[in-house]
Amino acid sequence: MANQDTRHKGDSTSTRKKGKCITFWVTDEQKAEISTYAAEHNTTVSRLIVEGLELRMNRDSI
């Protein structure tokens, strides 16, 4: 387990789909809250944002 990547929590670059990078700005407070939430739920910030967008876009299409 010495080579385990705990920073990316399962999103290894060899298995994740290659996609596009999107950058956006948040306040320091928002960044801290997002990072804390992601860590508490054992996921990455990227995964949290993608899942949130998927939920929102699916809800709006109903």
PDB file of N, CA and C in Angstrom:
ATOM      1  N   MET A   1       0.803  -1.198   0.000  1.00  0.00           N
ATOM      2  CA  MET A   1       0.000   0.000   0.000  1.00  0.00           C
ATOM      3  C   MET A   1       0.851   1.269   0.000  1.00  0.00           C
ATOM      4  N   ALA A   2       2.150   1.126  -0.097  1.00  0.00           N
ATOM      5  CA  ALA A   2       3.016   2.293  -0.056  1.00  0.00           C
ATOM      6  C   ALA A   2       2.799   3.204  -1.253  1.00  0.00           C
ATOM      7  N   ASN A   3       2.341   2.661  -2.376  1.00  0.00           N
ATOM      8  CA  ASN A   3       2.145   3.466  -3.576  1.00  0.00           C
ATOM      9  C   ASN A   3       0.707   3.951  -3.756  1.00  0.00           C
ATOM     10  N   GLN A   4      -0.109   3.806  -2.721  1.00  0.00           N
ATOM     11  CA  GLN A   4      -1.511   4.212  -2.836  1.00  0.00           C
ATOM     12  C   GLN A   4      -1.608   5.720  -2.983  1.00  0.00           C
ATOM     13  N   ASP A   5      -2.416   6.146  -3.934  1.00  0.00           N
ATOM     14  CA  ASP A   5      -2.625   7.569  -4.193  1.00  0.00           C
ATOM     15  C   ASP A   5      -3.826   8.041  -3.389  1.00  0.00           C
ATOM     16  N   THR A   6      -3.571   8.622  -2.225  1.00  0.00           N
ATOM     17  CA  THR A   6      -4.678   9.073  -1.385  1.00  0.00           C
ATOM     18  C   THR A   6      -5.145  10.474  -1.756  1.00  0.00           C
ATOM     19  N   ARG A   7      -4.357  11.209  -2.527  1.00  0.00           N
ATOM     20  CA  ARG A   7      -4.764  12.555  -2.933  1.00  0.00           C
ATOM     21  C   ARG A   7      -5.919  12.529  -3.911  1.00  0.00           C
ATOM     22  N   HIS A   8      -5.934  11.577  -4.836  1.00  0.00           N
ATOM     23  CA  HIS A   8      -6.955  11.562  -5.879  1.00  0.00           C
ATOM     24  C   HIS A   8      -8.070  10.562  -5.596  1.00  0.00           C
ATOM     25  N   LYS A   9      -7.983   9.841  -4.512  1.00  0.00           N
ATOM     26  CA  LYS A   9      -9.039   8.969  -4.018  1.00  0.00           C
ATOM     27  C   LYS A   9      -9.722   8.142  -5.093  1.00  0.00           C
ATOM     28  N   GLY A  10      -8.962   7.473  -5.944  1.00  0.00           N
ATOM     29  CA  GLY A  10      -9.543   6.543  -6.901  1.00  0.00           C
ATOM     30  C   GLY A  10      -9.640   7.040  -8.326  1.00  0.00           C
ATOM     31  N   ASP A  11      -9.444   8.322  -8.562  1.00  0.00           N
ATOM     32  CA  ASP A  11      -9.500   8.842  -9.928  1.00  0.00           C
ATOM     33  C   ASP A  11      -8.116   8.792 -10.562  1.00  0.00           C
ATOM     34  N   SER A  12      -7.551   7.603 -10.720  1.00  0.00           N
ATOM     35  CA  SER A  12      -6.217   7.515 -11.295  1.00  0.00           C
ATOM     36  C   SER A  12      -6.260   7.921 -12.762  1.00  0.00           C
ATOM     37  N   THR A  13      -5.204   8.505 -13.222  1.00  0.00           N
ATOM     38  CA  THR A  13      -5.182   9.009 -14.592  1.00  0.00           C
ATOM     39  C   THR A  13      -5.226   7.895 -15.624  1.00  0.00           C
ATOM     40  N   SER A  14      -4.876   6.684 -15.220  1.00  0.00           N
ATOM     41  CA  SER A  14      -4.880   5.595 -16.187  1.00  0.00           C
ATOM     42  C   SER A  14      -6.285   5.040 -16.424  1.00  0.00           C
ATOM     43  N   THR A  15      -7.204   5.248 -15.485  1.00  0.00           N
ATOM     44  CA  THR A  15      -8.543   4.668 -15.635  1.00  0.00           C
ATOM     45  C   THR A  15      -9.627   5.701 -15.910  1.00  0.00           C
ATOM     46  N   ARG A  16      -9.374   6.963 -15.610  1.00  0.00           N
ATOM     47  CA  ARG A  16     -10.436   7.943 -15.814  1.00  0.00           C
ATOM     48  C   ARG A  16     -10.509   8.350 -17.279  1.00  0.00           C
ATOM     49  N   LYS A  17     -11.694   8.704 -17.710  1.00  0.00           N
ATOM     50  CA  LYS A  17     -11.885   9.145 -19.090  1.00  0.00           C
ATOM     51  C   LYS A  17     -11.170  10.473 -19.296  1.00  0.00           C
ATOM     52  N   LYS A  18     -10.527  10.588 -20.412  1.00  0.00           N
ATOM     53  CA  LYS A  18      -9.866  11.848 -20.726  1.00  0.00           C
ATOM     54  C   LYS A  18     -10.921  12.835 -21.187  1.00  0.00           C
ATOM     55  N   GLY A  19     -10.894  14.001 -20.634  1.00  0.00           N
ATOM     56  CA  GLY A  19     -11.900  14.996 -20.972  1.00  0.00           C
ATOM     57  C   GLY A  19     -11.276  16.375 -21.051  1.00  0.00           C
ATOM     58  N   LYS A  20     -12.112  17.349 -20.936  1.00  0.00           N
ATOM     59  CA  LYS A  20     -11.680  18.743 -21.006  1.00  0.00           C
ATOM     60  C   LYS A  20     -11.607  19.331 -19.605  1.00  0.00           C
ATOM     61  N   CYS A  21     -10.747  20.285 -19.433  1.00  0.00           N
ATOM     62  CA  CYS A  21     -10.574  20.967 -18.166  1.00  0.00           C
ATOM     63  C   CYS A  21     -11.396  22.258 -18.174  1.00  0.00           C
ATOM     64  N   ILE A  22     -12.140  22.474 -17.097  1.00  0.00           N
ATOM     65  CA  ILE A  22     -12.896  23.714 -16.933  1.00  0.00           C
ATOM     66  C   ILE A  22     -12.393  24.381 -15.661  1.00  0.00           C
ATOM     67  N   THR A  23     -12.093  25.650 -15.750  1.00  0.00           N
ATOM     68  CA  THR A  23     -11.612  26.409 -14.601  1.00  0.00           C
ATOM     69  C   THR A  23     -12.614  27.490 -14.266  1.00  0.00           C
ATOM     70  N   PHE A  24     -12.882  27.673 -12.971  1.00  0.00           N
ATOM     71  CA  PHE A  24     -13.770  28.751 -12.556  1.00  0.00           C
ATOM     72  C   PHE A  24     -13.312  29.275 -11.207  1.00  0.00           C
ATOM     73  N   TRP A  25     -13.789  30.463 -10.867  1.00  0.00           N
ATOM     74  CA  TRP A  25     -13.359  31.144  -9.659  1.00  0.00           C
ATOM     75  C   TRP A  25     -14.379  30.972  -8.541  1.00  0.00           C
ATOM     76  N   VAL A  26     -13.877  30.755  -7.320  1.00  0.00           N
ATOM     77  CA  VAL A  26     -14.702  30.723  -6.118  1.00  0.00           C
ATOM     78  C   VAL A  26     -13.986  31.551  -5.048  1.00  0.00           C
ATOM     79  N   THR A  27     -14.734  31.927  -4.023  1.00  0.00           N
ATOM     80  CA  THR A  27     -14.114  32.653  -2.917  1.00  0.00           C
ATOM     81  C   THR A  27     -13.296  31.680  -2.068  1.00  0.00           C
ATOM     82  N   ASP A  28     -12.460  32.226  -1.203  1.00  0.00           N
ATOM     83  CA  ASP A  28     -11.682  31.383  -0.295  1.00  0.00           C
ATOM     84  C   ASP A  28     -12.615  30.550   0.582  1.00  0.00           C
ATOM     85  N   GLU A  29     -13.706  31.156   1.022  1.00  0.00           N
ATOM     86  CA  GLU A  29     -14.663  30.453   1.870  1.00  0.00           C
ATOM     87  C   GLU A  29     -15.331  29.304   1.117  1.00  0.00           C
ATOM     88  N   GLN A  30     -15.721  29.543  -0.129  1.00  0.00           N
ATOM     89  CA  GLN A  30     -16.339  28.488  -0.938  1.00  0.00           C
ATOM     90  C   GLN A  30     -15.365  27.346  -1.169  1.00  0.00           C
ATOM     91  N   LYS A  31     -14.122  27.668  -1.472  1.00  0.00           N
ATOM     92  CA  LYS A  31     -13.097  26.643  -1.709  1.00  0.00           C
ATOM     93  C   LYS A  31     -12.900  25.779  -0.473  1.00  0.00           C
ATOM     94  N   ALA A  32     -12.835  26.416   0.684  1.00  0.00           N
ATOM     95  CA  ALA A  32     -12.654  25.672   1.927  1.00  0.00           C
ATOM     96  C   ALA A  32     -13.853  24.766   2.191  1.00  0.00           C
ATOM     97  N   GLU A  33     -15.052  25.279   1.984  1.00  0.00           N
ATOM     98  CA  GLU A  33     -16.265  24.496   2.222  1.00  0.00           C
ATOM     99  C   GLU A  33     -16.362  23.317   1.248  1.00  0.00           C
ATOM    100  N   ILE A  34     -16.050  23.555  -0.017  1.00  0.00           N
ATOM    101  CA  ILE A  34     -16.093  22.492  -1.027  1.00  0.00           C
ATOM    102  C   ILE A  34     -15.063  21.406  -0.700  1.00  0.00           C
ATOM    103  N   SER A  35     -13.861  21.815  -0.369  1.00  0.00           N
ATOM    104  CA  SER A  35     -12.796  20.856  -0.058  1.00  0.00           C
ATOM    105  C   SER A  35     -13.131  20.035   1.184  1.00  0.00           C
ATOM    106  N   THR A  36     -13.667  20.685   2.190  1.00  0.00           N
ATOM    107  CA  THR A  36     -14.056  19.981   3.419  1.00  0.00           C
ATOM    108  C   THR A  36     -15.159  18.976   3.137  1.00  0.00           C
ATOM    109  N   TYR A  37     -16.171  19.396   2.391  1.00  0.00           N
ATOM    110  CA  TYR A  37     -17.287  18.508   2.065  1.00  0.00           C
ATOM    111  C   TYR A  37     -16.789  17.289   1.292  1.00  0.00           C
ATOM    112  N   ALA A  38     -15.943  17.525   0.304  1.00  0.00           N
ATOM    113  CA  ALA A  38     -15.414  16.420  -0.505  1.00  0.00           C
ATOM    114  C   ALA A  38     -14.625  15.441   0.362  1.00  0.00           C
ATOM    115  N   ALA A  39     -13.775  15.954   1.242  1.00  0.00           N
ATOM    116  CA  ALA A  39     -12.979  15.084   2.111  1.00  0.00           C
ATOM    117  C   ALA A  39     -13.872  14.284   3.054  1.00  0.00           C
ATOM    118  N   GLU A  40     -14.892  14.928   3.610  1.00  0.00           N
ATOM    119  CA  GLU A  40     -15.805  14.239   4.531  1.00  0.00           C
ATOM    120  C   GLU A  40     -16.596  13.135   3.835  1.00  0.00           C
ATOM    121  N   HIS A  41     -16.796  13.276   2.531  1.00  0.00           N
ATOM    122  CA  HIS A  41     -17.575  12.294   1.775  1.00  0.00           C
ATOM    123  C   HIS A  41     -16.679  11.391   0.916  1.00  0.00           C
ATOM    124  N   ASN A  42     -15.362  11.423   1.221  1.00  0.00           N
ATOM    125  CA  ASN A  42     -14.387  10.532   0.583  1.00  0.00           C
ATOM    126  C   ASN A  42     -14.445  10.587  -0.941  1.00  0.00           C
ATOM    127  N   THR A  43     -14.455  11.792  -1.470  1.00  0.00           N
ATOM    128  CA  THR A  43     -14.449  11.980  -2.917  1.00  0.00           C
ATOM    129  C   THR A  43     -13.521  13.138  -3.257  1.00  0.00           C
ATOM    130  N   THR A  44     -13.359  13.405  -4.524  1.00  0.00           N
ATOM    131  CA  THR A  44     -12.537  14.533  -4.950  1.00  0.00           C
ATOM    132  C   THR A  44     -13.435  15.725  -5.225  1.00  0.00           C
ATOM    133  N   VAL A  45     -12.844  16.900  -5.235  1.00  0.00           N
ATOM    134  CA  VAL A  45     -13.595  18.107  -5.569  1.00  0.00           C
ATOM    135  C   VAL A  45     -14.128  18.000  -7.000  1.00  0.00           C
ATOM    136  N   SER A  46     -13.325  17.507  -7.905  1.00  0.00           N
ATOM    137  CA  SER A  46     -13.770  17.351  -9.297  1.00  0.00           C
ATOM    138  C   SER A  46     -14.976  16.428  -9.402  1.00  0.00           C
ATOM    139  N   ARG A  47     -14.897  15.284  -8.721  1.00  0.00           N
ATOM    140  CA  ARG A  47     -16.010  14.318  -8.762  1.00  0.00           C
ATOM    141  C   ARG A  47     -17.267  14.928  -8.155  1.00  0.00           C
ATOM    142  N   LEU A  48     -17.117  15.661  -7.064  1.00  0.00           N
ATOM    143  CA  LEU A  48     -18.239  16.320  -6.407  1.00  0.00           C
ATOM    144  C   LEU A  48     -18.919  17.310  -7.353  1.00  0.00           C
ATOM    145  N   ILE A  49     -18.128  18.103  -8.048  1.00  0.00           N
ATOM    146  CA  ILE A  49     -18.679  19.106  -8.964  1.00  0.00           C
ATOM    147  C   ILE A  49     -19.360  18.442 -10.156  1.00  0.00           C
ATOM    148  N   VAL A  50     -18.723  17.442 -10.749  1.00  0.00           N
ATOM    149  CA  VAL A  50     -19.312  16.745 -11.894  1.00  0.00           C
ATOM    150  C   VAL A  50     -20.635  16.091 -11.506  1.00  0.00           C
ATOM    151  N   GLU A  51     -20.661  15.400 -10.353  1.00  0.00           N
ATOM    152  CA  GLU A  51     -21.899  14.754  -9.914  1.00  0.00           C
ATOM    153  C   GLU A  51     -22.993  15.789  -9.635  1.00  0.00           C
ATOM    154  N   GLY A  52     -22.617  16.910  -9.049  1.00  0.00           N
ATOM    155  CA  GLY A  52     -23.593  17.978  -8.797  1.00  0.00           C
ATOM    156  C   GLY A  52     -24.164  18.537 -10.086  1.00  0.00           C
ATOM    157  N   LEU A  53     -23.315  18.736 -11.074  1.00  0.00           N
ATOM    158  CA  LEU A  53     -23.786  19.220 -12.375  1.00  0.00           C
ATOM    159  C   LEU A  53     -24.701  18.202 -13.048  1.00  0.00           C
ATOM    160  N   GLU A  54     -24.332  16.925 -12.969  1.00  0.00           N
ATOM    161  CA  GLU A  54     -25.166  15.880 -13.563  1.00  0.00           C
ATOM    162  C   GLU A  54     -26.552  15.852 -12.902  1.00  0.00           C
ATOM    163  N   LEU A  55     -26.577  15.946 -11.567  1.00  0.00           N
ATOM    164  CA  LEU A  55     -27.859  15.969 -10.860  1.00  0.00           C
ATOM    165  C   LEU A  55     -28.699  17.178 -11.285  1.00  0.00           C
ATOM    166  N   ARG A  56     -28.070  18.321 -11.351  1.00  0.00           N
ATOM    167  CA  ARG A  56     -28.786  19.562 -11.706  1.00  0.00           C
ATOM    168  C   ARG A  56     -29.301  19.509 -13.136  1.00  0.00           C
ATOM    169  N   MET A  57     -28.488  19.051 -14.058  1.00  0.00           N
ATOM    170  CA  MET A  57     -28.911  19.011 -15.469  1.00  0.00           C
ATOM    171  C   MET A  57     -29.995  17.982 -15.685  1.00  0.00           C
ATOM    172  N   ASN A  58     -29.945  16.852 -15.002  1.00  0.00           N
ATOM    173  CA  ASN A  58     -30.998  15.850 -15.107  1.00  0.00           C
ATOM    174  C   ASN A  58     -32.307  16.352 -14.510  1.00  0.00           C
ATOM    175  N   ARG A  59     -32.225  17.075 -13.404  1.00  0.00           N
ATOM    176  CA  ARG A  59     -33.424  17.606 -12.754  1.00  0.00           C
ATOM    177  C   ARG A  59     -34.101  18.652 -13.650  1.00  0.00           C
ATOM    178  N   ASP A  60     -33.295  19.498 -14.278  1.00  0.00           N
ATOM    179  CA  ASP A  60     -33.847  20.552 -15.128  1.00  0.00           C
ATOM    180  C   ASP A  60     -34.485  20.012 -16.401  1.00  0.00           C
ATOM    181  N   SER A  61     -34.105  18.810 -16.812  1.00  0.00           N
ATOM    182  CA  SER A  61     -34.647  18.256 -18.055  1.00  0.00           C
ATOM    183  C   SER A  61     -35.975  17.528 -17.840  1.00  0.00           C
ATOM    184  N   ILE A  62     -36.397  17.406 -16.584  1.00  0.00           N
ATOM    185  CA  ILE A  62     -37.654  16.694 -16.308  1.00  0.00           C
ATOM    186  C   ILE A  62     -38.830  17.622 -16.493  1.00  0.00           C
TER     187      ILE A  62
END
